[in-house]
């Protein structure tokens, strides 16, 4: 399911216009959305029954350039991570 399909499904299921559904999705998942904003502040976002979004630190490390085989330094980074909740796991099985 892509963003357009998600917008249409949300609009249909919640009785919203497609424009309202699109704004809601953007407000939650967009670059300046609620989840990204909380992660930037170092907070976790826990949605009971769905899962938890957290920001994880990845340390700097040495890697290899696949074209040349030369060693390269990969910088430290902060990355988003998601852990599925038990209810979501149960829904899939």
C-alpha atoms as a PDB file:
ATOM      1  CA  UNK A   1       0.000   0.000   0.000  1.00  0.00           C
ATOM      2  CA  UNK A   2       1.427   3.368  -0.977  1.00  0.00           C
ATOM      3  CA  UNK A   3       0.600   6.822   0.395  1.00  0.00           C
ATOM      4  CA  UNK A   4      -2.177   7.464  -2.149  1.00  0.00           C
ATOM      5  CA  UNK A   5      -3.837   4.134  -1.378  1.00  0.00           C
ATOM      6  CA  UNK A   6      -3.506   4.778   2.352  1.00  0.00           C
ATOM      7  CA  UNK A   7      -5.113   8.205   1.933  1.00  0.00           C
ATOM      8  CA  UNK A   8      -8.034   6.732  -0.020  1.00  0.00           C
ATOM      9  CA  UNK A   9      -8.515   3.904   2.499  1.00  0.00           C
ATOM     10  CA  UNK A  10      -8.440   6.311   5.453  1.00  0.00           C
ATOM     11  CA  UNK A  11     -10.896   8.650   3.747  1.00  0.00           C
ATOM     12  CA  UNK A  12     -13.261   5.761   3.049  1.00  0.00           C
ATOM     13  CA  UNK A  13     -13.015   4.106   6.451  1.00  0.00           C
ATOM     14  CA  UNK A  14     -13.181   7.293   8.561  1.00  0.00           C
ATOM     15  CA  UNK A  15     -15.706   9.144   6.404  1.00  0.00           C
ATOM     16  CA  UNK A  16     -13.253  11.945   5.577  1.00  0.00           C
ATOM     17  CA  UNK A  17     -12.568  13.752   2.335  1.00  0.00           C
ATOM     18  CA  UNK A  18      -9.382  12.654   0.559  1.00  0.00           C
ATOM     19  CA  UNK A  19      -7.886  16.088   1.266  1.00  0.00           C
ATOM     20  CA  UNK A  20      -8.588  15.789   5.005  1.00  0.00           C
ATOM     21  CA  UNK A  21      -7.230  12.235   5.088  1.00  0.00           C
ATOM     22  CA  UNK A  22      -4.080  13.370   3.273  1.00  0.00           C
ATOM     23  CA  UNK A  23      -3.531  16.204   5.745  1.00  0.00           C
ATOM     24  CA  UNK A  24      -4.025  13.805   8.666  1.00  0.00           C
ATOM     25  CA  UNK A  25      -1.472  11.342   7.288  1.00  0.00           C
ATOM     26  CA  UNK A  26       1.009  14.158   6.622  1.00  0.00           C
ATOM     27  CA  UNK A  27       0.488  15.542  10.146  1.00  0.00           C
ATOM     28  CA  UNK A  28       1.363  12.175  11.658  1.00  0.00           C
ATOM     29  CA  UNK A  29       3.970  10.694   9.290  1.00  0.00           C
ATOM     30  CA  UNK A  30       5.379  13.676   7.338  1.00  0.00           C
ATOM     31  CA  UNK A  31       8.865  15.203   7.630  1.00  0.00           C
ATOM     32  CA  UNK A  32       7.524  17.805  10.064  1.00  0.00           C
ATOM     33  CA  UNK A  33       4.890  15.449  11.475  1.00  0.00           C
ATOM     34  CA  UNK A  34       4.184  14.409  15.019  1.00  0.00           C
ATOM     35  CA  UNK A  35       6.286  11.240  14.999  1.00  0.00           C
ATOM     36  CA  UNK A  36       9.355  12.862  13.416  1.00  0.00           C
ATOM     37  CA  UNK A  37       9.063  15.836  15.764  1.00  0.00           C
ATOM     38  CA  UNK A  38       8.964  13.649  18.854  1.00  0.00           C
ATOM     39  CA  UNK A  39      11.932  11.559  17.667  1.00  0.00           C
ATOM     40  CA  UNK A  40      13.972  14.713  16.975  1.00  0.00           C
ATOM     41  CA  UNK A  41      13.355  15.759  20.592  1.00  0.00           C
ATOM     42  CA  UNK A  42      14.637  12.398  21.813  1.00  0.00           C
ATOM     43  CA  UNK A  43      11.214  11.087  22.819  1.00  0.00           C
ATOM     44  CA  UNK A  44       9.696   7.760  21.890  1.00  0.00           C
ATOM     45  CA  UNK A  45       6.237   7.434  20.367  1.00  0.00           C
ATOM     46  CA  UNK A  46       4.299   4.487  21.765  1.00  0.00           C
ATOM     47  CA  UNK A  47       0.957   3.569  20.216  1.00  0.00           C
ATOM     48  CA  UNK A  48      -0.599   0.859  22.356  1.00  0.00           C
ATOM     49  CA  UNK A  49      -1.547  -2.171  20.299  1.00  0.00           C
ATOM     50  CA  UNK A  50       0.433  -0.957  17.268  1.00  0.00           C
ATOM     51  CA  UNK A  51       4.049  -0.376  18.228  1.00  0.00           C
ATOM     52  CA  UNK A  52       6.785   1.992  19.314  1.00  0.00           C
ATOM     53  CA  UNK A  53       8.899   4.423  17.309  1.00  0.00           C
ATOM     54  CA  UNK A  54      12.309   5.342  18.763  1.00  0.00           C
ATOM     55  CA  UNK A  55      15.473   7.123  17.618  1.00  0.00           C
ATOM     56  CA  UNK A  56      18.561   4.914  17.840  1.00  0.00           C
ATOM     57  CA  UNK A  57      22.187   5.979  17.753  1.00  0.00           C
ATOM     58  CA  UNK A  58      24.507   4.174  15.366  1.00  0.00           C
ATOM     59  CA  UNK A  59      28.218   4.513  16.115  1.00  0.00           C
ATOM     60  CA  UNK A  60      30.819   5.538  13.556  1.00  0.00           C
ATOM     61  CA  UNK A  61      32.491   2.578  11.915  1.00  0.00           C
ATOM     62  CA  UNK A  62      34.828   1.539   9.137  1.00  0.00           C
ATOM     63  CA  UNK A  63      33.222   0.119   6.003  1.00  0.00           C
ATOM     64  CA  UNK A  64      34.314  -0.888   2.507  1.00  0.00           C
ATOM     65  CA  UNK A  65      33.639   0.867  -0.792  1.00  0.00           C
ATOM     66  CA  UNK A  66      32.031  -1.927  -2.859  1.00  0.00           C
ATOM     67  CA  UNK A  67      33.522  -0.614  -6.127  1.00  0.00           C
ATOM     68  CA  UNK A  68      37.131  -0.289  -5.023  1.00  0.00           C
ATOM     69  CA  UNK A  69      37.360  -2.327  -1.834  1.00  0.00           C
ATOM     70  CA  UNK A  70      39.022   0.611  -0.059  1.00  0.00           C
ATOM     71  CA  UNK A  71      38.238   1.214   3.597  1.00  0.00           C
ATOM     72  CA  UNK A  72      35.982   4.214   4.232  1.00  0.00           C
ATOM     73  CA  UNK A  73      34.840   5.869   7.446  1.00  0.00           C
ATOM     74  CA  UNK A  74      31.061   5.822   7.988  1.00  0.00           C
ATOM     75  CA  UNK A  75      29.884   8.606  10.282  1.00  0.00           C
ATOM     76  CA  UNK A  76      27.748   8.128  13.378  1.00  0.00           C
ATOM     77  CA  UNK A  77      24.035   8.640  12.735  1.00  0.00           C
ATOM     78  CA  UNK A  78      20.684   8.812  14.466  1.00  0.00           C
ATOM     79  CA  UNK A  79      18.143   6.518  12.792  1.00  0.00           C
ATOM     80  CA  UNK A  80      14.447   5.876  13.353  1.00  0.00           C
ATOM     81  CA  UNK A  81      13.422   2.398  14.469  1.00  0.00           C
ATOM     82  CA  UNK A  82      10.053   0.707  14.919  1.00  0.00           C
ATOM     83  CA  UNK A  83       9.158  -2.219  17.155  1.00  0.00           C
ATOM     84  CA  UNK A  84       5.774  -3.805  16.482  1.00  0.00           C
ATOM     85  CA  UNK A  85       3.383  -4.191  19.392  1.00  0.00           C
ATOM     86  CA  UNK A  86       1.942  -7.523  20.441  1.00  0.00           C
ATOM     87  CA  UNK A  87      -1.553  -6.768  19.100  1.00  0.00           C
ATOM     88  CA  UNK A  88      -0.107  -6.023  15.635  1.00  0.00           C
ATOM     89  CA  UNK A  89       1.960  -9.200  15.735  1.00  0.00           C
ATOM     90  CA  UNK A  90      -1.109 -11.206  16.771  1.00  0.00           C
ATOM     91  CA  UNK A  91      -3.177  -9.661  13.959  1.00  0.00           C
ATOM     92  CA  UNK A  92      -0.675 -10.986  11.404  1.00  0.00           C
ATOM     93  CA  UNK A  93      -0.608 -14.537  12.757  1.00  0.00           C
END
